[in-house]
C-alpha cells in the first residue's frame, strides 16, 4: 500500500518587525492632529458654534454642490475610464496623463484655469456671456470647480477596477451574440460596481473639502459660493473656536460617508 500523501500547509510569510515602526509613526502622523482638534473643541459651546446661520448655510451648500459634482463626475468619468481601459485609440497615454493632471495640480492653479476658461473674458465664457450665461462666481462655478478636482479620483478608481476585472467575461458575452451596449450594462458595470462606488465616494469627499479652486473661481459669497471649507478659513481669525468646531463637523461628515460606504461594500450585494 502506498503511503498517504501529506498535505503541505502553506507557509505564512510574516513581516519584519522593523516595518511596524514606520507604520506606527505614519498612523500617529495622521491620528494625532485629529486628536488635537478634539482637544481644542469648546465643548460647552459646540452646538451653537456649528448651528449658526452662516455655518448651516455653508454646510448645506457644501453637501448640495458636492452631490451634484459627484453626479457630474459619474456621468463623465465612467465613459472616460472605459475609454482609457478598453479603448484602443492612439494617444491614450497622453490623454490619461492630461485627465489625471488635476491630481497633482495646485487647486488654486486649477481655479485660475477655470476662470480663464469660463470667466467673462474666458475662452468659452465670452461666448456664454453673449447668451446671458455666467458661470464664474456662482453656485454653478462651485460645482464646476469641485468636479474639476474630483473627476480624476473616480477615473483612477474605476479604471483600476476595470483592469483588475479583465475582459474574459465580456468576451464570452460577445461570443454569445451580446451587443457592446448589452455587454457593458449586464457584464462590465456589475463587475466593477465596487470600484465605481469607491470612486464616487472619493470624488464626493474631495468635493466636500475643496477650497483653492472654489475660492479662486467662485469666490466667497454667503449662501451662494461660501462652502464649509471657505467658512472655516474665514472664521479662523475672528472666531478660532468656530473654525475648530466646523473643522470637526467636516471631519465627522466625511468619516461617516466613508464608513457607511465601506460597510456596504463589506456586506456585499443583498
Protein backbone atom coordinates (compact mmCIF):
# COMPACT_ATOMS: atom_id res chain seq x y z
CA UNK A 1 0.00 0.00 0.00
CA UNK A 2 1.20 3.45 -0.85
CA UNK A 3 1.57 5.93 1.93
CA UNK A 4 -0.98 8.72 2.04
CA UNK A 5 0.46 11.94 0.80
CA UNK A 6 0.97 14.59 3.38
CA UNK A 7 -0.65 17.86 2.70
CA UNK A 8 1.80 20.68 2.98
CA UNK A 9 0.41 23.66 4.77
CA UNK A 10 1.16 26.99 3.14
CA UNK A 11 3.99 28.80 4.83
CA UNK A 12 2.89 32.03 6.46
CA UNK A 13 5.22 34.83 5.49
CA UNK A 14 5.47 37.33 8.31
CA UNK A 15 6.59 40.92 8.20
CA UNK A 16 9.94 42.12 9.52
CA UNK A 17 9.46 43.73 12.91
CA UNK A 18 11.07 46.97 11.81
CA UNK A 19 8.17 47.56 9.38
CA UNK A 20 5.85 48.26 12.30
CA UNK A 21 7.98 51.20 13.46
CA UNK A 22 7.43 53.48 10.42
CA UNK A 23 3.88 52.11 10.11
CA UNK A 24 3.14 53.24 13.66
CA UNK A 25 4.75 56.63 13.03
CA UNK A 26 2.64 57.04 9.91
CA UNK A 27 -0.54 56.20 11.81
CA UNK A 28 0.35 58.65 14.58
CA UNK A 29 1.15 61.30 11.98
CA UNK A 30 -2.47 61.09 10.82
CA UNK A 31 -4.21 60.44 14.15
CA UNK A 32 -2.50 62.97 16.43
CA UNK A 33 -3.67 66.08 14.50
CA UNK A 34 -7.23 64.75 14.64
CA UNK A 35 -6.91 64.25 18.39
CA UNK A 36 -5.55 67.78 18.66
CA UNK A 37 -8.76 69.09 17.12
CA UNK A 38 -10.82 67.11 19.62
CA UNK A 39 -8.75 68.50 22.47
CA UNK A 40 -9.22 72.07 21.23
CA UNK A 41 -13.02 72.00 20.92
CA UNK A 42 -15.03 74.37 23.10
CA UNK A 43 -17.48 71.61 24.02
CA UNK A 44 -19.93 73.73 26.09
CA UNK A 45 -20.49 75.97 23.04
CA UNK A 46 -20.03 73.33 20.35
CA UNK A 47 -23.67 73.14 19.23
CA UNK A 48 -24.17 76.93 18.98
CA UNK A 49 -20.92 77.24 17.03
CA UNK A 50 -21.94 74.74 14.35
CA UNK A 51 -25.59 75.79 14.13
CA UNK A 52 -25.11 79.48 13.41
CA UNK A 53 -26.79 80.78 10.28
CA UNK A 54 -23.57 81.08 8.30
CA UNK A 55 -22.38 77.62 9.39
CA UNK A 56 -25.65 75.92 8.43
CA UNK A 57 -25.72 77.69 5.09
CA UNK A 58 -22.13 76.67 4.34
CA UNK A 59 -22.72 73.03 5.32
CA UNK A 60 -25.91 72.69 3.27
CA UNK A 61 -24.26 74.36 0.27
CA UNK A 62 -21.24 72.04 0.54
CA UNK A 63 -23.40 68.90 0.66
CA UNK A 64 -25.60 70.07 -2.19
CA UNK A 65 -22.79 71.08 -4.51
CA UNK A 66 -20.66 68.03 -3.65
CA UNK A 67 -23.60 65.76 -4.50
CA UNK A 68 -24.17 67.43 -7.87
CA UNK A 69 -20.46 67.47 -8.70
CA UNK A 70 -20.25 63.75 -7.87
CA UNK A 71 -23.09 63.06 -10.30
CA UNK A 72 -21.20 65.06 -12.93
CA UNK A 73 -18.08 63.01 -12.20
CA UNK A 74 -20.02 59.76 -12.65
CA UNK A 75 -21.62 60.89 -15.91
CA UNK A 76 -18.29 62.00 -17.38
CA UNK A 77 -15.87 59.73 -15.52
CA UNK A 78 -17.41 56.34 -16.30
CA UNK A 79 -17.08 56.77 -20.10
CA UNK A 80 -13.59 58.20 -19.64
CA UNK A 81 -12.46 55.23 -17.53
CA UNK A 82 -13.97 52.82 -20.07
CA UNK A 83 -12.20 54.54 -22.94
CA UNK A 84 -8.86 54.61 -21.12
CA UNK A 85 -9.02 50.96 -20.03
CA UNK A 86 -10.77 49.33 -23.00
CA UNK A 87 -10.18 51.74 -25.88
CA UNK A 88 -7.52 51.25 -28.50
CA UNK A 89 -7.13 54.75 -29.90
CA UNK A 90 -3.78 56.50 -30.48
CA UNK A 91 -2.52 58.94 -27.89
CA UNK A 92 -4.20 57.16 -24.99
CA UNK A 93 -1.21 57.55 -22.58
CA UNK A 94 -1.10 61.28 -23.26
CA UNK A 95 -4.84 61.61 -22.69
CA UNK A 96 -4.57 59.66 -19.42
CA UNK A 97 -1.81 61.97 -18.21
CA UNK A 98 -3.88 65.06 -19.02
CA UNK A 99 -7.01 63.66 -17.36
CA UNK A 100 -5.09 62.87 -14.17
CA UNK A 101 -3.24 66.20 -14.12
CA UNK A 102 -5.63 67.79 -11.54
CA UNK A 103 -4.40 65.20 -9.02
CA UNK A 104 -1.02 66.94 -8.84
CA UNK A 105 -2.05 70.42 -9.91
CA UNK A 106 -2.30 73.01 -7.09
CA UNK A 107 -6.05 73.73 -6.63
CA UNK A 108 -5.53 77.48 -6.99
CA UNK A 109 -3.95 76.87 -10.41
CA UNK A 110 -6.99 74.82 -11.36
CA UNK A 111 -9.20 77.71 -10.25
CA UNK A 112 -7.25 80.15 -12.41
CA UNK A 113 -7.50 77.77 -15.37
CA UNK A 114 -11.28 77.55 -14.91
CA UNK A 115 -11.51 81.33 -14.57
CA UNK A 116 -9.69 81.82 -17.88
CA UNK A 117 -11.98 79.23 -19.45
CA UNK A 118 -15.42 80.10 -18.09
CA UNK A 119 -14.88 83.68 -16.84
CA UNK A 120 -16.49 86.67 -18.53
CA UNK A 121 -13.48 87.10 -20.83
CA UNK A 122 -12.53 83.41 -20.81
CA UNK A 123 -12.01 81.08 -23.74
CA UNK A 124 -15.58 79.76 -23.50
CA UNK A 125 -17.07 82.22 -21.04
CA UNK A 126 -17.03 85.11 -23.51
CA UNK A 127 -19.43 83.22 -25.74
CA UNK A 128 -21.60 82.18 -22.80
CA UNK A 129 -21.71 85.85 -21.77
CA UNK A 130 -23.29 86.71 -25.12
CA UNK A 131 -26.01 84.16 -24.37
CA UNK A 132 -26.56 85.64 -20.93
CA UNK A 133 -24.95 82.72 -19.11
CA UNK A 134 -22.49 83.49 -16.31
CA UNK A 135 -20.68 80.68 -14.54
CA UNK A 136 -17.86 82.34 -12.61
CA UNK A 137 -18.66 83.45 -9.04
CA UNK A 138 -21.90 81.48 -8.89
CA UNK A 139 -23.08 78.24 -7.35
CA UNK A 140 -22.52 76.61 -10.74
CA UNK A 141 -18.88 77.68 -10.51
CA UNK A 142 -18.59 75.82 -7.19
CA UNK A 143 -19.87 72.64 -8.84
CA UNK A 144 -17.55 73.06 -11.82
CA UNK A 145 -14.53 73.61 -9.56
CA UNK A 146 -15.38 70.60 -7.40
CA UNK A 147 -15.92 68.36 -10.43
CA UNK A 148 -12.65 69.53 -11.99
CA UNK A 149 -10.55 68.44 -8.99
CA UNK A 150 -12.63 65.34 -8.16
CA UNK A 151 -13.05 63.73 -11.57
CA UNK A 152 -9.58 62.10 -11.65
CA UNK A 153 -10.30 60.27 -8.38
CA UNK A 154 -13.27 58.49 -9.91
CA UNK A 155 -11.45 57.79 -13.18
CA UNK A 156 -8.43 56.28 -11.40
CA UNK A 157 -10.56 54.09 -9.14
CA UNK A 158 -12.83 52.81 -11.91
CA UNK A 159 -10.02 52.31 -14.43
CA UNK A 160 -8.14 50.21 -11.86
CA UNK A 161 -11.25 48.12 -11.25
CA UNK A 162 -11.74 47.60 -14.98
CA UNK A 163 -8.16 46.44 -15.46
CA UNK A 164 -8.37 44.10 -12.45
CA UNK A 165 -11.63 42.56 -13.69
CA UNK A 166 -10.12 41.69 -17.07
CA UNK A 167 -12.15 41.20 -20.21
CA UNK A 168 -12.81 37.44 -20.12
CA UNK A 169 -16.50 37.61 -19.21
CA UNK A 170 -17.05 40.38 -21.72
CA UNK A 171 -15.52 38.26 -24.48
CA UNK A 172 -17.77 35.33 -23.55
CA UNK A 173 -20.85 37.56 -23.67
CA UNK A 174 -19.78 38.98 -27.04
CA UNK A 175 -19.20 35.46 -28.37
CA UNK A 176 -22.77 34.58 -27.40
CA UNK A 177 -24.02 37.46 -29.52
CA UNK A 178 -24.49 40.26 -27.00
CA UNK A 179 -24.15 43.77 -28.36
CA UNK A 180 -21.48 46.10 -26.88
CA UNK A 181 -24.09 48.14 -25.00
CA UNK A 182 -25.63 44.97 -23.57
CA UNK A 183 -22.20 43.68 -22.52
CA UNK A 184 -21.45 46.99 -20.84
CA UNK A 185 -24.77 47.07 -18.99
CA UNK A 186 -25.08 43.43 -17.94
CA UNK A 187 -21.46 42.31 -17.55
CA UNK A 188 -18.93 45.11 -17.27
CA UNK A 189 -20.69 47.52 -14.91
CA UNK A 190 -21.84 44.88 -12.38
CA UNK A 191 -18.26 43.55 -12.22
CA UNK A 192 -16.74 46.95 -11.46
CA UNK A 193 -19.55 48.35 -9.31
CA UNK A 194 -17.42 48.32 -6.11
CA UNK A 195 -14.76 50.34 -7.93
CA UNK A 196 -17.39 52.79 -9.12
CA UNK A 197 -18.76 53.19 -5.59
CA UNK A 198 -15.26 53.76 -4.21
CA UNK A 199 -14.52 56.31 -6.89
CA UNK A 200 -17.79 58.13 -6.27
CA UNK A 201 -17.10 58.28 -2.53
CA UNK A 202 -13.60 59.63 -3.14
CA UNK A 203 -15.00 62.21 -5.55
CA UNK A 204 -17.65 63.29 -3.05
CA UNK A 205 -15.16 63.56 -0.20
CA UNK A 206 -12.75 65.54 -2.37
CA UNK A 207 -15.56 67.85 -3.49
CA UNK A 208 -16.68 68.35 0.10
CA UNK A 209 -13.21 69.50 1.12
CA UNK A 210 -12.37 71.55 -1.98
CA UNK A 211 -11.03 75.02 -1.17
CA UNK A 212 -8.44 76.55 -3.52
CA UNK A 213 -10.18 76.18 -6.88
CA UNK A 214 -13.52 77.17 -5.36
CA UNK A 215 -12.16 80.35 -3.80
CA UNK A 216 -10.36 81.38 -6.99
CA UNK A 217 -13.14 80.58 -9.47
CA UNK A 218 -16.31 81.02 -7.41
CA UNK A 219 -15.36 83.48 -4.68
CA UNK A 220 -16.90 83.52 -1.20
CA UNK A 221 -20.50 84.74 -1.23
CA UNK A 222 -22.54 83.58 1.76
CA UNK A 223 -25.29 81.20 0.71
CA UNK A 224 -24.09 81.23 -2.90
CA UNK A 225 -20.45 80.09 -3.09
CA UNK A 226 -19.20 80.00 0.51
CA UNK A 227 -18.79 76.30 1.19
CA UNK A 228 -17.84 74.84 4.55
CA UNK A 229 -14.04 74.89 3.91
CA UNK A 230 -14.30 78.59 2.99
CA UNK A 231 -16.35 79.28 6.10
CA UNK A 232 -13.71 77.56 8.23
CA UNK A 233 -10.98 79.67 6.65
CA UNK A 234 -12.90 82.92 7.19
CA UNK A 235 -13.67 82.05 10.82
CA UNK A 236 -10.07 81.12 11.59
CA UNK A 237 -9.01 84.57 12.80
CA UNK A 238 -12.16 86.28 14.11
CA UNK A 239 -13.52 83.15 15.86
CA UNK A 240 -10.98 80.34 16.22
CA UNK A 241 -13.41 78.24 18.32
CA UNK A 242 -15.94 78.29 15.49
CA UNK A 243 -13.25 77.30 12.96
CA UNK A 244 -12.20 74.31 15.08
CA UNK A 245 -15.80 73.23 15.66
CA UNK A 246 -16.61 73.43 11.95
CA UNK A 247 -13.41 71.51 11.14
CA UNK A 248 -14.58 68.70 13.39
CA UNK A 249 -18.00 68.79 11.74
CA UNK A 250 -16.42 68.42 8.31
CA UNK A 251 -14.29 65.52 9.56
CA UNK A 252 -17.33 63.77 11.04
CA UNK A 253 -19.39 64.14 7.85
CA UNK A 254 -16.56 62.82 5.64
CA UNK A 255 -15.83 59.95 8.04
CA UNK A 256 -19.50 58.94 8.20
CA UNK A 257 -19.70 58.79 4.40
CA UNK A 258 -16.55 56.66 4.08
CA UNK A 259 -17.59 54.27 6.89
CA UNK A 260 -21.11 53.84 5.50
CA UNK A 261 -19.78 53.05 2.04
CA UNK A 262 -17.14 50.66 3.36
CA UNK A 263 -19.75 48.83 5.44
CA UNK A 264 -21.98 48.40 2.42
CA UNK A 265 -19.10 47.02 0.35
CA UNK A 266 -18.16 44.54 3.09
CA UNK A 267 -21.77 43.41 3.41
CA UNK A 268 -21.87 42.65 -0.30
CA UNK A 269 -24.94 42.57 -2.52
CA UNK A 270 -28.28 41.73 -0.94
